[in-house]
C-alpha atoms as a PDB file:
ATOM      1  CA  MET A   1      53.976 -30.926  39.209  1.00  0.00           C
ATOM      2  CA  SER A   2      53.675 -27.442  41.451  1.00  0.00           C
ATOM      3  CA  TYR A   3      52.306 -24.381  40.262  1.00  0.00           C
ATOM      4  CA  LYS A   4      53.836 -20.973  40.812  1.00  0.00           C
ATOM      5  CA  ILE A   5      52.170 -17.980  41.425  1.00  0.00           C
ATOM      6  CA  ALA A   6      52.619 -14.431  40.330  1.00  0.00           C
ATOM      7  CA  VAL A   7      51.735 -11.379  41.195  1.00  0.00           C
ATOM      8  CA  ILE A   8      51.886  -7.991  39.530  1.00  0.00           C
ATOM      9  CA  GLY A   9      50.652  -4.422  40.810  1.00  0.00           C
ATOM     10  CA  ASP A  10      51.465  -1.408  42.768  1.00  0.00           C
ATOM     11  CA  ALA A  11      54.291  -1.575  45.550  1.00  0.00           C
ATOM     12  CA  ASP A  12      51.830  -1.909  48.524  1.00  0.00           C
ATOM     13  CA  THR A  13      49.554  -4.926  46.688  1.00  0.00           C
ATOM     14  CA  VAL A  14      52.956  -6.476  45.421  1.00  0.00           C
ATOM     15  CA  THR A  15      54.313  -6.306  49.033  1.00  0.00           C
ATOM     16  CA  GLY A  16      51.157  -7.839  50.447  1.00  0.00           C
ATOM     17  CA  PHE A  17      51.456 -10.751  48.996  1.00  0.00           C
ATOM     18  CA  ALA A  18      54.991 -11.167  48.762  1.00  0.00           C
ATOM     19  CA  LEU A  19      54.805 -11.081  53.010  1.00  0.00           C
ATOM     20  CA  ALA A  20      51.883 -13.701  52.195  1.00  0.00           C
ATOM     21  CA  GLY A  21      54.853 -15.743  50.585  1.00  0.00           C
ATOM     22  CA  VAL A  22      54.315 -15.097  46.718  1.00  0.00           C
ATOM     23  CA  ARG A  23      57.727 -15.238  45.346  1.00  0.00           C
ATOM     24  CA  HIS A  24      57.165 -14.181  42.329  1.00  0.00           C
ATOM     25  CA  THR A  25      56.227 -10.366  42.143  1.00  0.00           C
ATOM     26  CA  HIS A  26      56.382  -7.182  40.278  1.00  0.00           C
ATOM     27  CA  ILE A  27      55.921  -4.220  41.083  1.00  0.00           C
ATOM     28  CA  HIS A  28      54.330  -1.856  38.136  1.00  0.00           C
ATOM     29  CA  VAL A  29      55.952   1.131  37.187  1.00  0.00           C
ATOM     30  CA  SER A  30      56.878   1.368  33.383  1.00  0.00           C
ATOM     31  CA  LYS A  31      54.299   0.344  30.682  1.00  0.00           C
ATOM     32  CA  GLU A  32      57.684  -1.197  28.976  1.00  0.00           C
ATOM     33  CA  GLU A  33      59.016  -3.366  32.150  1.00  0.00           C
ATOM     34  CA  THR A  34      55.722  -4.660  33.308  1.00  0.00           C
ATOM     35  CA  LEU A  35      54.810  -5.552  29.516  1.00  0.00           C
ATOM     36  CA  SER A  36      58.316  -7.426  29.590  1.00  0.00           C
ATOM     37  CA  LYS A  37      57.618  -9.300  32.740  1.00  0.00           C
ATOM     38  CA  LEU A  38      54.618 -10.481  31.996  1.00  0.00           C
ATOM     39  CA  LYS A  39      55.760 -11.641  29.040  1.00  0.00           C
ATOM     40  CA  SER A  40      58.154 -13.837  30.845  1.00  0.00           C
ATOM     41  CA  PHE A  41      55.530 -14.846  33.609  1.00  0.00           C
ATOM     42  CA  LEU A  42      53.268 -16.262  30.672  1.00  0.00           C
ATOM     43  CA  MET A  43      56.212 -18.188  29.113  1.00  0.00           C
ATOM     44  CA  GLU A  44      57.397 -19.731  32.299  1.00  0.00           C
ATOM     45  CA  LYS A  45      56.058 -23.494  32.191  1.00  0.00           C
ATOM     46  CA  ASP A  46      55.292 -24.200  35.832  1.00  0.00           C
ATOM     47  CA  MET A  47      53.157 -20.581  36.157  1.00  0.00           C
ATOM     48  CA  GLY A  48      49.734 -21.673  37.324  1.00  0.00           C
ATOM     49  CA  LEU A  49      48.478 -18.132  38.089  1.00  0.00           C
ATOM     50  CA  LEU A  50      48.748 -14.650  37.973  1.00  0.00           C
ATOM     51  CA  LEU A  51      47.597 -12.048  39.806  1.00  0.00           C
ATOM     52  CA  ILE A  52      47.730  -8.601  38.291  1.00  0.00           C
ATOM     53  CA  THR A  53      45.743  -5.579  39.657  1.00  0.00           C
ATOM     54  CA  HIS A  54      42.905  -3.813  37.767  1.00  0.00           C
ATOM     55  CA  ARG A  55      44.953  -0.343  37.905  1.00  0.00           C
ATOM     56  CA  THR A  56      48.063  -2.140  36.238  1.00  0.00           C
ATOM     57  CA  ILE A  57      45.721  -3.703  33.105  1.00  0.00           C
ATOM     58  CA  ASP A  58      44.279  -0.286  32.390  1.00  0.00           C
ATOM     59  CA  ASP A  59      47.610   0.756  31.987  1.00  0.00           C
ATOM     60  CA  LEU A  60      48.901  -1.617  30.178  1.00  0.00           C
ATOM     61  CA  GLY A  61      46.111  -1.048  27.504  1.00  0.00           C
ATOM     62  CA  GLU A  62      45.666  -2.698  24.354  1.00  0.00           C
ATOM     63  CA  GLU A  63      48.640  -4.372  24.781  1.00  0.00           C
ATOM     64  CA  PHE A  64      47.450  -6.388  27.542  1.00  0.00           C
ATOM     65  CA  LYS A  65      44.544  -7.497  25.681  1.00  0.00           C
ATOM     66  CA  LEU A  66      46.477  -8.814  23.086  1.00  0.00           C
ATOM     67  CA  LEU A  67      48.599 -10.806  25.252  1.00  0.00           C
ATOM     68  CA  MET A  68      45.623 -12.937  27.007  1.00  0.00           C
ATOM     69  CA  ARG A  69      43.997 -13.740  23.487  1.00  0.00           C
ATOM     70  CA  ALA A  70      47.849 -15.088  22.748  1.00  0.00           C
ATOM     71  CA  LYS A  71      48.760 -17.170  25.850  1.00  0.00           C
ATOM     72  CA  GLY A  72      47.317 -20.724  26.512  1.00  0.00           C
ATOM     73  CA  VAL A  73      45.573 -22.206  29.115  1.00  0.00           C
ATOM     74  CA  LEU A  74      48.000 -22.011  32.026  1.00  0.00           C
ATOM     75  CA  PRO A  75      49.026 -19.259  33.456  1.00  0.00           C
ATOM     76  CA  VAL A  76      44.703 -18.958  34.781  1.00  0.00           C
ATOM     77  CA  VAL A  77      45.006 -14.581  34.524  1.00  0.00           C
ATOM     78  CA  LEU A  78      43.180 -13.201  37.370  1.00  0.00           C
ATOM     79  CA  ALA A  79      42.574  -9.529  38.054  1.00  0.00           C
ATOM     80  CA  ILE A  80      42.032  -8.066  41.263  1.00  0.00           C
ATOM     81  CA  PRO A  81      41.432  -4.913  42.917  1.00  0.00           C
ATOM     82  CA  ASP A  82      44.454  -2.603  44.287  1.00  0.00           C
ATOM     83  CA  LYS A  83      44.873  -1.111  48.280  1.00  0.00           C
ATOM     84  CA  THR A  84      42.784   1.490  47.185  1.00  0.00           C
ATOM     85  CA  GLY A  85      39.892  -1.200  46.420  1.00  0.00           C
ATOM     86  CA  TYR A  86      39.527   0.051  42.223  1.00  0.00           C
ATOM     87  CA  VAL A  87      37.763  -1.847  40.389  1.00  0.00           C
ATOM     88  CA  PRO A  88      36.995  -0.787  36.699  1.00  0.00           C
ATOM     89  CA  ALA A  89      33.178   0.103  35.572  1.00  0.00           C
ATOM     90  CA  VAL A  90      33.097  -3.123  33.201  1.00  0.00           C
ATOM     91  CA  ASP A  91      34.733  -6.023  34.455  1.00  0.00           C
ATOM     92  CA  GLU A  92      36.263  -7.743  31.775  1.00  0.00           C
ATOM     93  CA  LEU A  93      36.507 -11.176  33.599  1.00  0.00           C
ATOM     94  CA  TYR A  94      33.290 -10.530  35.219  1.00  0.00           C
ATOM     95  CA  GLU A  95      31.867 -10.091  31.619  1.00  0.00           C
ATOM     96  CA  LEU A  96      33.726 -13.153  30.400  1.00  0.00           C
ATOM     97  CA  ILE A  97      32.296 -15.726  32.894  1.00  0.00           C
ATOM     98  CA  LYS A  98      29.029 -14.551  32.094  1.00  0.00           C
ATOM     99  CA  ARG A  99      29.214 -14.776  28.405  1.00  0.00           C
ATOM    100  CA  ALA A 100      30.903 -18.207  29.051  1.00  0.00           C
ATOM    101  CA  VAL A 101      28.132 -19.427  31.724  1.00  0.00           C
ATOM    102  CA  GLY A 102      25.393 -17.271  30.070  1.00  0.00           C
ATOM    103  CA  ALA A 103      24.276 -15.964  33.318  1.00  0.00           C
ATOM    104  CA  ARG A 104      24.358 -13.151  35.541  1.00  0.00           C
ATOM    105  CA  VAL A 105      27.162 -14.550  38.889  1.00  0.00           C
ATOM    106  CA  THR A 106      26.004 -13.183  42.029  1.00  0.00           C
ATOM    107  CA  GLU A 107      27.465 -13.631  45.534  1.00  0.00           C
ATOM    108  CA  LYS A 108      25.403 -15.748  47.847  1.00  0.00           C
ATOM    109  CA  VAL A 109      25.659 -14.082  51.377  1.00  0.00           C
ATOM    110  CA  GLY A 110      24.680 -15.796  54.278  1.00  0.00           C
ATOM    111  CA  GLY A 111      23.837 -19.332  54.959  1.00  0.00           C
ATOM    112  CA  GLY A 112      21.749 -21.494  53.728  1.00  0.00           C
END
């Protein structure tokens, strides 16, 4: 079985992913429309990865958190920076990984 990839975010970010071949997209304009589309993507059995910009997550607020608590294993939901590079002061995905692993996760730069 092959899985689909979807992206939700601002027009420039979504367009970039669409040009790279992602066919399931939603440009975030209103909270209600985006929540509806997010629920739709989460219900698709063959959806494997859902990319959503940090700024969109911020705009969706508590409703996004509630949906994430209720979802299953798939799709994997990954928060990404938008075209401006915006990342919140506290990256919840990073904090979740840190709690799960039990250590701070850092990027190794250079060979080794």
